[in-house]
Amino acid sequence: MTIKRKRNGARSLTKKVTLLDVLMGILLLIGVLIISYPFVSNQLNTFLDQQLISYYQSQAKKMSEIEKQQKRNRLEQTNQELAQRASNPGIKETQASAETKDSESVDTPDYYERHTIGVLKIPVIDVALPIFDQTTDTLLKRGATLLEGASYPIGGEDTHAVLCGHRGLTSATLFTDLPKLQIGDAFYIETFDDTLAYQIDQIKTVAPDDTEALKIVKGSDYVTLLTCTPYMVNSHRLLVRGKRVPYNEENETNAAKKANQQDLWVLLVVSTILLLLLLMISRIKRKKQHDLITPNDKKQR
């Protein structure tokens, strides 16, 4: 009888320990999924953006100089017309554009490729995004979009391109880190196989209906990056303006290296936190197993 009781007690203990293992495993899996979802989702979108950027770059290299010049001439003509009529792109135009044009959007690779007109790079915050030729809800989820009524981002006097981007999406970083930029930082635009450099000379927060800072300034070559602020409130607009400066490849490379080093530190911190979490769960599990075994030992004594 004593042997049978011991066996039954052992089986009961095994069931309890097994159930505890399953429960702890499920909780751990849920925790890891919750913690890793934003990172995994962002990495996936970054990969898709890089594919789109690579496609645009390869197509630009395949174009003959005559084709490039013809396309550039068409965009320059549009920019000149915008400057002549003193175009003042505004937030209301963006909202109307998104509402009326988004019904035409199709979430396919061909759709994104058709609307890609360049590449925006912000090395300081490790951002590389395709630039789309219009603003719609669909395109805003994948990259930087041209504000309707603003100049095309091809450079030149009397131009002011305005590029819009989302903040705070769980699925993609986009313009989330735009507030980290400072006066003097640089960003770059690739268009027609050329790279244009812009140095930030103005950062300001305005009301949604204040479009004065988006106007074309005679003789100037500006690009403004626009996003909503404050984070998750979105009551105002953050405008980060860059003035055209000579392109220096070394400066771009150095800024990218610095951003990569910061990313490595973030990865190290996150990995350490996850490791500590696993160790803590393992310790709790061992303690509970010990607590389950100890009462049986006392009874046998």
C-alpha atoms as a PDB file:
ATOM      1  CA  MET A   1       0.000   0.000   0.000  1.00  0.00           C
ATOM      2  CA  THR A   2       2.830   2.369   0.864  1.00  0.00           C
ATOM      3  CA  ILE A   3       4.508   1.763  -2.502  1.00  0.00           C
ATOM      4  CA  LYS A   4       1.227   2.451  -4.367  1.00  0.00           C
ATOM      5  CA  ARG A   5       0.697   5.695  -2.453  1.00  0.00           C
ATOM      6  CA  LYS A   6       4.214   6.824  -3.293  1.00  0.00           C
ATOM      7  CA  ARG A   7       3.625   6.057  -6.977  1.00  0.00           C
ATOM      8  CA  ASN A   8       0.294   7.908  -6.991  1.00  0.00           C
ATOM      9  CA  GLY A   9       1.935  10.849  -5.240  1.00  0.00           C
ATOM     10  CA  ALA A  10       4.741  10.891  -7.797  1.00  0.00           C
ATOM     11  CA  ARG A  11       2.243  10.804 -10.687  1.00  0.00           C
ATOM     12  CA  SER A  12       0.228  13.639  -9.148  1.00  0.00           C
ATOM     13  CA  LEU A  13       3.398  15.674  -8.665  1.00  0.00           C
ATOM     14  CA  THR A  14       4.473  14.984 -12.262  1.00  0.00           C
ATOM     15  CA  LYS A  15       1.099  16.183 -13.556  1.00  0.00           C
ATOM     16  CA  LYS A  16       1.344  19.376 -11.496  1.00  0.00           C
ATOM     17  CA  VAL A  17       4.882  20.066 -12.679  1.00  0.00           C
ATOM     18  CA  THR A  18       3.944  19.334 -16.317  1.00  0.00           C
ATOM     19  CA  LEU A  19       0.920  21.642 -16.140  1.00  0.00           C
ATOM     20  CA  LEU A  20       3.102  24.333 -14.587  1.00  0.00           C
ATOM     21  CA  ASP A  21       5.660  23.886 -17.386  1.00  0.00           C
ATOM     22  CA  VAL A  22       2.983  24.271 -20.067  1.00  0.00           C
ATOM     23  CA  LEU A  23       1.474  27.332 -18.377  1.00  0.00           C
ATOM     24  CA  MET A  24       4.858  29.027 -17.922  1.00  0.00           C
ATOM     25  CA  GLY A  25       5.765  28.173 -21.521  1.00  0.00           C
ATOM     26  CA  ILE A  26       2.554  29.725 -22.847  1.00  0.00           C
ATOM     27  CA  LEU A  27       3.018  32.872 -20.748  1.00  0.00           C
ATOM     28  CA  LEU A  28       6.630  33.156 -21.901  1.00  0.00           C
ATOM     29  CA  LEU A  29       5.626  32.732 -25.553  1.00  0.00           C
ATOM     30  CA  ILE A  30       2.899  35.377 -25.245  1.00  0.00           C
ATOM     31  CA  GLY A  31       5.349  37.773 -23.587  1.00  0.00           C
ATOM     32  CA  VAL A  32       7.998  37.250 -26.256  1.00  0.00           C
ATOM     33  CA  LEU A  33       5.431  37.736 -29.052  1.00  0.00           C
ATOM     34  CA  ILE A  34       4.139  40.972 -27.498  1.00  0.00           C
ATOM     35  CA  ILE A  35       7.649  42.336 -26.997  1.00  0.00           C
ATOM     36  CA  SER A  36       8.961  41.262 -30.396  1.00  0.00           C
ATOM     37  CA  TYR A  37       5.939  42.163 -32.582  1.00  0.00           C
ATOM     38  CA  PRO A  38       6.862  45.832 -33.192  1.00  0.00           C
ATOM     39  CA  PHE A  39      10.471  44.880 -33.948  1.00  0.00           C
ATOM     40  CA  VAL A  40       9.583  41.988 -36.289  1.00  0.00           C
ATOM     41  CA  SER A  41       6.871  43.989 -38.054  1.00  0.00           C
ATOM     42  CA  ASN A  42       9.190  46.961 -38.497  1.00  0.00           C
ATOM     43  CA  GLN A  43      11.976  44.736 -39.837  1.00  0.00           C
ATOM     44  CA  LEU A  44       9.574  43.195 -42.352  1.00  0.00           C
ATOM     45  CA  ASN A  45       8.428  46.613 -43.571  1.00  0.00           C
ATOM     46  CA  THR A  46      12.037  47.798 -43.703  1.00  0.00           C
ATOM     47  CA  PHE A  47      12.888  44.785 -45.872  1.00  0.00           C
ATOM     48  CA  LEU A  48       9.970  45.551 -48.218  1.00  0.00           C
ATOM     49  CA  ASP A  49      11.027  49.209 -48.400  1.00  0.00           C
ATOM     50  CA  GLN A  50      14.593  48.184 -49.233  1.00  0.00           C
ATOM     51  CA  GLN A  51      13.280  45.973 -52.040  1.00  0.00           C
ATOM     52  CA  LEU A  52      11.337  48.931 -53.426  1.00  0.00           C
ATOM     53  CA  ILE A  53      14.337  51.246 -53.061  1.00  0.00           C
ATOM     54  CA  SER A  54      16.608  48.734 -54.803  1.00  0.00           C
ATOM     55  CA  TYR A  55      14.112  48.438 -57.652  1.00  0.00           C
ATOM     56  CA  TYR A  56      13.968  52.223 -58.080  1.00  0.00           C
ATOM     57  CA  GLN A  57      17.764  52.530 -57.992  1.00  0.00           C
ATOM     58  CA  SER A  58      18.230  49.748 -60.547  1.00  0.00           C
ATOM     59  CA  GLN A  59      15.635  51.294 -62.874  1.00  0.00           C
ATOM     60  CA  ALA A  60      17.303  54.710 -62.574  1.00  0.00           C
ATOM     61  CA  LYS A  61      20.666  53.213 -63.538  1.00  0.00           C
ATOM     62  CA  LYS A  62      19.132  51.485 -66.564  1.00  0.00           C
ATOM     63  CA  MET A  63      17.683  54.746 -67.893  1.00  0.00           C
ATOM     64  CA  SER A  64      19.626  56.515 -70.616  1.00  0.00           C
ATOM     65  CA  GLU A  65      20.739  60.101 -70.058  1.00  0.00           C
ATOM     66  CA  ILE A  66      18.156  61.227 -72.617  1.00  0.00           C
ATOM     67  CA  GLU A  67      15.332  59.476 -70.715  1.00  0.00           C
ATOM     68  CA  LYS A  68      16.490  60.971 -67.415  1.00  0.00           C
ATOM     69  CA  GLN A  69      16.640  64.452 -68.894  1.00  0.00           C
ATOM     70  CA  GLN A  70      13.182  64.131 -70.435  1.00  0.00           C
ATOM     71  CA  LYS A  71      11.651  63.096 -67.105  1.00  0.00           C
ATOM     72  CA  ARG A  72      13.596  65.765 -65.239  1.00  0.00           C
ATOM     73  CA  ASN A  73      12.428  68.428 -67.720  1.00  0.00           C
ATOM     74  CA  ARG A  74       8.784  67.493 -67.133  1.00  0.00           C
ATOM     75  CA  LEU A  75       9.175  67.751 -63.357  1.00  0.00           C
ATOM     76  CA  GLU A  76      11.158  70.998 -63.619  1.00  0.00           C
ATOM     77  CA  GLN A  77       8.389  72.497 -65.742  1.00  0.00           C
ATOM     78  CA  THR A  78       5.825  71.578 -63.080  1.00  0.00           C
ATOM     79  CA  ASN A  79       8.055  73.104 -60.385  1.00  0.00           C
ATOM     80  CA  GLN A  80       8.387  76.327 -62.376  1.00  0.00           C
ATOM     81  CA  GLU A  81       4.608  76.563 -62.742  1.00  0.00           C
ATOM     82  CA  LEU A  82       4.190  76.063 -58.987  1.00  0.00           C
ATOM     83  CA  ALA A  83       6.728  78.822 -58.288  1.00  0.00           C
ATOM     84  CA  GLN A  84       5.080  81.237 -60.731  1.00  0.00           C
ATOM     85  CA  ARG A  85       1.664  80.895 -59.157  1.00  0.00           C
ATOM     86  CA  ALA A  86       3.156  81.068 -55.639  1.00  0.00           C
ATOM     87  CA  SER A  87       1.807  77.663 -54.675  1.00  0.00           C
ATOM     88  CA  ASN A  88       1.166  77.242 -50.966  1.00  0.00           C
ATOM     89  CA  PRO A  89       0.582  73.551 -50.213  1.00  0.00           C
ATOM     90  CA  GLY A  90      -1.478  72.972 -47.095  1.00  0.00           C
ATOM     91  CA  ILE A  91      -2.603  70.243 -44.735  1.00  0.00           C
ATOM     92  CA  LYS A  92      -6.206  70.441 -45.971  1.00  0.00           C
ATOM     93  CA  GLU A  93      -5.026  69.596 -49.470  1.00  0.00           C
ATOM     94  CA  THR A  94      -3.277  66.529 -48.060  1.00  0.00           C
ATOM     95  CA  GLN A  95      -6.396  65.317 -46.281  1.00  0.00           C
ATOM     96  CA  ALA A  96      -8.570  65.861 -49.354  1.00  0.00           C
ATOM     97  CA  SER A  97      -6.024  64.064 -51.498  1.00  0.00           C
ATOM     98  CA  ALA A  98      -5.968  61.044 -49.195  1.00  0.00           C
ATOM     99  CA  GLU A  99      -9.753  60.850 -49.114  1.00  0.00           C
ATOM    100  CA  THR A 100     -10.293  61.152 -52.874  1.00  0.00           C
ATOM    101  CA  LYS A 101      -7.338  59.170 -54.190  1.00  0.00           C
ATOM    102  CA  ASP A 102      -7.077  56.336 -51.720  1.00  0.00           C
ATOM    103  CA  SER A 103      -9.984  54.521 -53.385  1.00  0.00           C
ATOM    104  CA  GLU A 104      -7.729  54.095 -56.429  1.00  0.00           C
ATOM    105  CA  SER A 105      -4.967  52.533 -54.356  1.00  0.00           C
ATOM    106  CA  VAL A 106      -4.071  48.886 -54.762  1.00  0.00           C
ATOM    107  CA  ASP A 107      -1.700  47.364 -52.229  1.00  0.00           C
ATOM    108  CA  THR A 108       0.536  45.591 -54.754  1.00  0.00           C
ATOM    109  CA  PRO A 109       4.263  45.851 -55.585  1.00  0.00           C
ATOM    110  CA  ASP A 110       3.388  47.309 -59.002  1.00  0.00           C
ATOM    111  CA  TYR A 111       1.354  50.093 -57.391  1.00  0.00           C
ATOM    112  CA  TYR A 112       4.235  51.161 -55.142  1.00  0.00           C
ATOM    113  CA  GLU A 113       6.783  50.932 -57.960  1.00  0.00           C
ATOM    114  CA  ARG A 114       4.599  53.078 -60.215  1.00  0.00           C
ATOM    115  CA  HIS A 115       4.394  55.874 -57.643  1.00  0.00           C
ATOM    116  CA  THR A 116       8.032  55.845 -56.445  1.00  0.00           C
ATOM    117  CA  ILE A 117       9.938  58.959 -57.542  1.00  0.00           C
ATOM    118  CA  GLY A 118      12.971  58.883 -55.263  1.00  0.00           C
ATOM    119  CA  VAL A 119      14.580  57.788 -52.022  1.00  0.00           C
ATOM    120  CA  LEU A 120      14.802  59.701 -48.724  1.00  0.00           C
ATOM    121  CA  LYS A 121      17.741  58.907 -46.442  1.00  0.00           C
ATOM    122  CA  ILE A 122      18.181  60.295 -42.916  1.00  0.00           C
ATOM    123  CA  PRO A 123      21.364  58.600 -41.632  1.00  0.00           C
ATOM    124  CA  VAL A 124      21.280  60.242 -38.185  1.00  0.00           C
ATOM    125  CA  ILE A 125      18.114  58.318 -37.283  1.00  0.00           C
ATOM    126  CA  ASP A 126      18.797  55.348 -39.582  1.00  0.00           C
ATOM    127  CA  VAL A 127      15.887  55.970 -41.963  1.00  0.00           C
ATOM    128  CA  ALA A 128      15.711  55.054 -45.655  1.00  0.00           C
ATOM    129  CA  LEU A 129      12.307  55.372 -47.319  1.00  0.00           C
ATOM    130  CA  PRO A 130      10.860  55.416 -50.820  1.00  0.00           C
ATOM    131  CA  ILE A 131       9.382  58.764 -51.865  1.00  0.00           C
ATOM    132  CA  PHE A 132       5.937  58.560 -53.462  1.00  0.00           C
ATOM    133  CA  ASP A 133       4.481  61.127 -55.866  1.00  0.00           C
ATOM    134  CA  GLN A 134       1.222  61.630 -53.965  1.00  0.00           C
ATOM    135  CA  THR A 135      -0.240  61.350 -50.491  1.00  0.00           C
ATOM    136  CA  THR A 136      -2.737  58.564 -49.743  1.00  0.00           C
ATOM    137  CA  ASP A 137      -3.411  56.447 -46.670  1.00  0.00           C
ATOM    138  CA  THR A 138      -1.926  53.410 -48.414  1.00  0.00           C
ATOM    139  CA  LEU A 139       1.300  55.134 -49.468  1.00  0.00           C
ATOM    140  CA  LEU A 140       1.748  56.829 -46.080  1.00  0.00           C
ATOM    141  CA  LYS A 141       2.051  53.396 -44.464  1.00  0.00           C
ATOM    142  CA  ARG A 142       5.056  52.531 -46.627  1.00  0.00           C
ATOM    143  CA  GLY A 143       7.156  55.660 -47.041  1.00  0.00           C
ATOM    144  CA  ALA A 144       7.415  59.433 -47.445  1.00  0.00           C
ATOM    145  CA  THR A 145       4.753  61.051 -49.612  1.00  0.00           C
ATOM    146  CA  LEU A 146       4.834  64.293 -51.590  1.00  0.00           C
ATOM    147  CA  LEU A 147       2.400  66.894 -50.305  1.00  0.00           C
ATOM    148  CA  GLU A 148       0.066  67.947 -53.090  1.00  0.00           C
ATOM    149  CA  GLY A 149       0.931  71.408 -54.366  1.00  0.00           C
ATOM    150  CA  ALA A 150       4.586  71.163 -53.262  1.00  0.00           C
ATOM    151  CA  SER A 151       7.599  71.057 -55.584  1.00  0.00           C
ATOM    152  CA  TYR A 152       8.939  67.735 -56.793  1.00  0.00           C
ATOM    153  CA  PRO A 153      12.106  66.801 -54.827  1.00  0.00           C
ATOM    154  CA  ILE A 154      14.578  67.207 -57.683  1.00  0.00           C
ATOM    155  CA  GLY A 155      16.373  70.334 -56.457  1.00  0.00           C
ATOM    156  CA  GLY A 156      16.780  73.695 -58.142  1.00  0.00           C
ATOM    157  CA  GLU A 157      16.063  77.333 -57.316  1.00  0.00           C
ATOM    158  CA  ASP A 158      12.543  78.364 -56.382  1.00  0.00           C
ATOM    159  CA  THR A 159      11.627  74.884 -55.145  1.00  0.00           C
ATOM    160  CA  HIS A 160      10.225  73.678 -51.845  1.00  0.00           C
ATOM    161  CA  ALA A 161       9.365  69.988 -51.628  1.00  0.00           C
ATOM    162  CA  VAL A 162       7.285  68.832 -48.653  1.00  0.00           C
ATOM    163  CA  LEU A 163       7.508  65.152 -47.703  1.00  0.00           C
ATOM    164  CA  CYS A 164       4.948  63.702 -45.281  1.00  0.00           C
ATOM    165  CA  GLY A 165       5.385  60.678 -43.032  1.00  0.00           C
ATOM    166  CA  HIS A 166       3.561  58.858 -40.239  1.00  0.00           C
ATOM    167  CA  ARG A 167       4.741  58.604 -36.632  1.00  0.00           C
ATOM    168  CA  GLY A 168       3.937  55.987 -34.033  1.00  0.00           C
ATOM    169  CA  LEU A 169       2.881  53.084 -36.250  1.00  0.00           C
ATOM    170  CA  THR A 170       3.554  49.728 -34.576  1.00  0.00           C
ATOM    171  CA  SER A 171       4.262  48.191 -37.979  1.00  0.00           C
ATOM    172  CA  ALA A 172       6.860  50.698 -39.224  1.00  0.00           C
ATOM    173  CA  THR A 173       9.203  53.399 -37.890  1.00  0.00           C
ATOM    174  CA  LEU A 174       8.860  55.898 -40.777  1.00  0.00           C
ATOM    175  CA  PHE A 175       9.045  59.444 -39.251  1.00  0.00           C
ATOM    176  CA  THR A 176       8.712  58.306 -35.599  1.00  0.00           C
ATOM    177  CA  ASP A 177      12.222  59.546 -34.709  1.00  0.00           C
ATOM    178  CA  LEU A 178      11.965  62.842 -36.603  1.00  0.00           C
ATOM    179  CA  PRO A 179      11.928  64.873 -33.322  1.00  0.00           C
ATOM    180  CA  LYS A 180      15.467  63.586 -32.628  1.00  0.00           C
ATOM    181  CA  LEU A 181      16.851  65.624 -35.539  1.00  0.00           C
ATOM    182  CA  GLN A 182      18.736  68.814 -34.747  1.00  0.00           C
ATOM    183  CA  ILE A 183      19.810  71.952 -36.568  1.00  0.00           C
ATOM    184  CA  GLY A 184      22.850  71.071 -38.677  1.00  0.00           C
ATOM    185  CA  ASP A 185      21.912  67.416 -39.259  1.00  0.00           C
ATOM    186  CA  ALA A 186      21.641  66.341 -42.877  1.00  0.00           C
ATOM    187  CA  PHE A 187      19.304  64.220 -44.949  1.00  0.00           C
ATOM    188  CA  TYR A 188      19.603  63.071 -48.539  1.00  0.00           C
ATOM    189  CA  ILE A 189      17.371  62.547 -51.540  1.00  0.00           C
ATOM    190  CA  GLU A 190      18.196  60.188 -54.378  1.00  0.00           C
ATOM    191  CA  THR A 191      16.522  61.040 -57.654  1.00  0.00           C
ATOM    192  CA  PHE A 192      17.423  60.081 -61.220  1.00  0.00           C
ATOM    193  CA  ASP A 193      20.600  58.388 -59.978  1.00  0.00           C
ATOM    194  CA  ASP A 194      21.752  61.667 -58.353  1.00  0.00           C
ATOM    195  CA  THR A 195      22.054  62.401 -54.630  1.00  0.00           C
ATOM    196  CA  LEU A 196      20.961  65.768 -53.220  1.00  0.00           C
ATOM    197  CA  ALA A 197      22.054  66.858 -49.737  1.00  0.00           C
ATOM    198  CA  TYR A 198      20.009  69.051 -47.385  1.00  0.00           C
ATOM    199  CA  GLN A 199      21.181  70.489 -44.071  1.00  0.00           C
ATOM    200  CA  ILE A 200      18.534  71.204 -41.453  1.00  0.00           C
ATOM    201  CA  ASP A 201      18.260  74.944 -40.839  1.00  0.00           C
ATOM    202  CA  GLN A 202      14.822  75.209 -39.236  1.00  0.00           C
ATOM    203  CA  ILE A 203      12.649  73.092 -36.938  1.00  0.00           C
ATOM    204  CA  LYS A 204       9.248  74.339 -35.854  1.00  0.00           C
ATOM    205  CA  THR A 205       5.865  73.156 -34.619  1.00  0.00           C
ATOM    206  CA  VAL A 206       2.768  74.728 -36.142  1.00  0.00           C
ATOM    207  CA  ALA A 207      -0.998  74.385 -36.116  1.00  0.00           C
ATOM    208  CA  PRO A 208      -2.464  72.216 -38.904  1.00  0.00           C
ATOM    209  CA  ASP A 209      -3.822  75.253 -40.758  1.00  0.00           C
ATOM    210  CA  ASP A 210      -0.552  77.237 -40.551  1.00  0.00           C
ATOM    211  CA  THR A 211       1.065  76.666 -43.962  1.00  0.00           C
ATOM    212  CA  GLU A 212       3.254  79.765 -44.131  1.00  0.00           C
ATOM    213  CA  ALA A 213       6.462  77.750 -43.597  1.00  0.00           C
ATOM    214  CA  LEU A 214       5.644  75.502 -46.571  1.00  0.00           C
ATOM    215  CA  LYS A 215       5.698  78.267 -49.174  1.00  0.00           C
ATOM    216  CA  ILE A 216       8.249  78.426 -51.971  1.00  0.00           C
ATOM    217  CA  VAL A 217      10.942  81.011 -51.197  1.00  0.00           C
ATOM    218  CA  LYS A 218      12.356  82.771 -54.248  1.00  0.00           C
ATOM    219  CA  GLY A 219      15.937  81.736 -55.006  1.00  0.00           C
ATOM    220  CA  SER A 220      15.937  78.940 -52.393  1.00  0.00           C
ATOM    221  CA  ASP A 221      16.061  75.149 -52.632  1.00  0.00           C
ATOM    222  CA  TYR A 222      14.261  73.662 -49.616  1.00  0.00           C
ATOM    223  CA  VAL A 223      12.849  70.305 -48.568  1.00  0.00           C
ATOM    224  CA  THR A 224      10.616  70.087 -45.490  1.00  0.00           C
ATOM    225  CA  LEU A 225       9.854  66.852 -43.661  1.00  0.00           C
ATOM    226  CA  LEU A 226       6.369  66.953 -42.136  1.00  0.00           C
ATOM    227  CA  THR A 227       4.764  64.755 -39.495  1.00  0.00           C
ATOM    228  CA  CYS A 228       2.137  64.951 -36.759  1.00  0.00           C
ATOM    229  CA  THR A 229       2.996  65.890 -33.179  1.00  0.00           C
ATOM    230  CA  PRO A 230       2.833  65.398 -30.183  1.00  0.00           C
ATOM    231  CA  TYR A 231       3.141  61.633 -30.269  1.00  0.00           C
ATOM    232  CA  MET A 232      -0.291  59.922 -30.264  1.00  0.00           C
ATOM    233  CA  VAL A 233      -2.026  63.313 -29.874  1.00  0.00           C
ATOM    234  CA  ASN A 234      -1.379  64.688 -33.383  1.00  0.00           C
ATOM    235  CA  SER A 235      -2.830  68.128 -32.716  1.00  0.00           C
ATOM    236  CA  HIS A 236       0.028  69.967 -34.452  1.00  0.00           C
ATOM    237  CA  ARG A 237       2.548  69.521 -37.257  1.00  0.00           C
ATOM    238  CA  LEU A 238       6.312  69.175 -36.854  1.00  0.00           C
ATOM    239  CA  LEU A 239       8.208  70.777 -39.740  1.00  0.00           C
ATOM    240  CA  VAL A 240      11.888  69.942 -40.241  1.00  0.00           C
ATOM    241  CA  ARG A 241      13.310  72.045 -43.070  1.00  0.00           C
ATOM    242  CA  GLY A 242      16.545  71.387 -44.921  1.00  0.00           C
ATOM    243  CA  LYS A 243      18.462  73.794 -47.154  1.00  0.00           C
ATOM    244  CA  ARG A 244      20.358  72.437 -50.166  1.00  0.00           C
ATOM    245  CA  VAL A 245      24.113  72.061 -49.604  1.00  0.00           C
ATOM    246  CA  PRO A 246      26.888  70.387 -51.648  1.00  0.00           C
ATOM    247  CA  TYR A 247      26.781  66.596 -51.388  1.00  0.00           C
ATOM    248  CA  ASN A 248      29.620  64.946 -49.441  1.00  0.00           C
ATOM    249  CA  GLU A 249      29.571  61.146 -49.515  1.00  0.00           C
ATOM    250  CA  GLU A 250      31.932  60.873 -46.526  1.00  0.00           C
ATOM    251  CA  ASN A 251      29.551  62.860 -44.306  1.00  0.00           C
ATOM    252  CA  GLU A 252      26.658  60.569 -45.236  1.00  0.00           C
ATOM    253  CA  THR A 253      28.731  57.439 -44.542  1.00  0.00           C
ATOM    254  CA  ASN A 254      29.946  58.692 -41.144  1.00  0.00           C
ATOM    255  CA  ALA A 255      26.410  59.571 -40.043  1.00  0.00           C
ATOM    256  CA  ALA A 256      25.173  56.120 -41.091  1.00  0.00           C
ATOM    257  CA  LYS A 257      27.959  54.401 -39.105  1.00  0.00           C
ATOM    258  CA  LYS A 258      27.077  56.384 -35.986  1.00  0.00           C
ATOM    259  CA  ALA A 259      23.407  55.416 -36.317  1.00  0.00           C
ATOM    260  CA  ASN A 260      24.325  51.738 -36.737  1.00  0.00           C
ATOM    261  CA  GLN A 261      26.405  51.835 -33.534  1.00  0.00           C
ATOM    262  CA  GLN A 262      23.409  53.232 -31.647  1.00  0.00           C
ATOM    263  CA  ASP A 263      21.220  50.431 -33.039  1.00  0.00           C
ATOM    264  CA  LEU A 264      23.706  47.840 -31.775  1.00  0.00           C
ATOM    265  CA  TRP A 265      23.536  49.307 -28.258  1.00  0.00           C
ATOM    266  CA  VAL A 266      19.723  49.179 -28.343  1.00  0.00           C
ATOM    267  CA  LEU A 267      19.843  45.544 -29.494  1.00  0.00           C
ATOM    268  CA  LEU A 268      22.286  44.719 -26.685  1.00  0.00           C
ATOM    269  CA  VAL A 269      20.040  46.307 -24.040  1.00  0.00           C
ATOM    270  CA  VAL A 270      16.912  44.523 -25.345  1.00  0.00           C
ATOM    271  CA  SER A 271      18.759  41.179 -25.471  1.00  0.00           C
ATOM    272  CA  THR A 272      19.970  41.663 -21.884  1.00  0.00           C
ATOM    273  CA  ILE A 273      16.431  42.405 -20.673  1.00  0.00           C
ATOM    274  CA  LEU A 274      15.075  39.286 -22.395  1.00  0.00           C
ATOM    275  CA  LEU A 275      17.866  37.164 -20.910  1.00  0.00           C
ATOM    276  CA  LEU A 276      17.145  38.477 -17.404  1.00  0.00           C
ATOM    277  CA  LEU A 277      13.440  37.773 -17.949  1.00  0.00           C
ATOM    278  CA  LEU A 278      14.184  34.174 -18.946  1.00  0.00           C
ATOM    279  CA  LEU A 279      16.442  33.689 -15.918  1.00  0.00           C
ATOM    280  CA  MET A 280      13.786  35.120 -13.606  1.00  0.00           C
ATOM    281  CA  ILE A 281      11.090  32.814 -15.033  1.00  0.00           C
ATOM    282  CA  SER A 282      13.423  29.824 -14.756  1.00  0.00           C
ATOM    283  CA  ARG A 283      14.151  30.663 -11.108  1.00  0.00           C
ATOM    284  CA  ILE A 284      10.443  30.998 -10.271  1.00  0.00           C
ATOM    285  CA  LYS A 285       9.760  27.689 -11.998  1.00  0.00           C
ATOM    286  CA  ARG A 286      12.477  25.875  -9.995  1.00  0.00           C
ATOM    287  CA  LYS A 287      11.191  27.382  -6.737  1.00  0.00           C
ATOM    288  CA  LYS A 288       7.642  26.193  -7.429  1.00  0.00           C
ATOM    289  CA  GLN A 289       8.890  22.704  -8.265  1.00  0.00           C
ATOM    290  CA  HIS A 290      10.829  22.675  -4.983  1.00  0.00           C
ATOM    291  CA  ASP A 291       7.751  23.835  -3.047  1.00  0.00           C
ATOM    292  CA  LEU A 292       5.700  21.006  -4.587  1.00  0.00           C
ATOM    293  CA  ILE A 293       8.281  18.343  -3.728  1.00  0.00           C
ATOM    294  CA  THR A 294       9.065  19.520  -0.166  1.00  0.00           C
ATOM    295  CA  PRO A 295       5.615  18.793   1.411  1.00  0.00           C
ATOM    296  CA  ASN A 296       5.715  15.193   0.141  1.00  0.00           C
ATOM    297  CA  ASP A 297       9.183  14.737   1.624  1.00  0.00           C
ATOM    298  CA  LYS A 298       7.939  16.002   4.988  1.00  0.00           C
ATOM    299  CA  LYS A 299       4.992  13.587   4.975  1.00  0.00           C
ATOM    300  CA  GLN A 300       7.251  10.637   4.214  1.00  0.00           C
ATOM    301  CA  ARG A 301       9.445  11.611   7.155  1.00  0.00           C
END
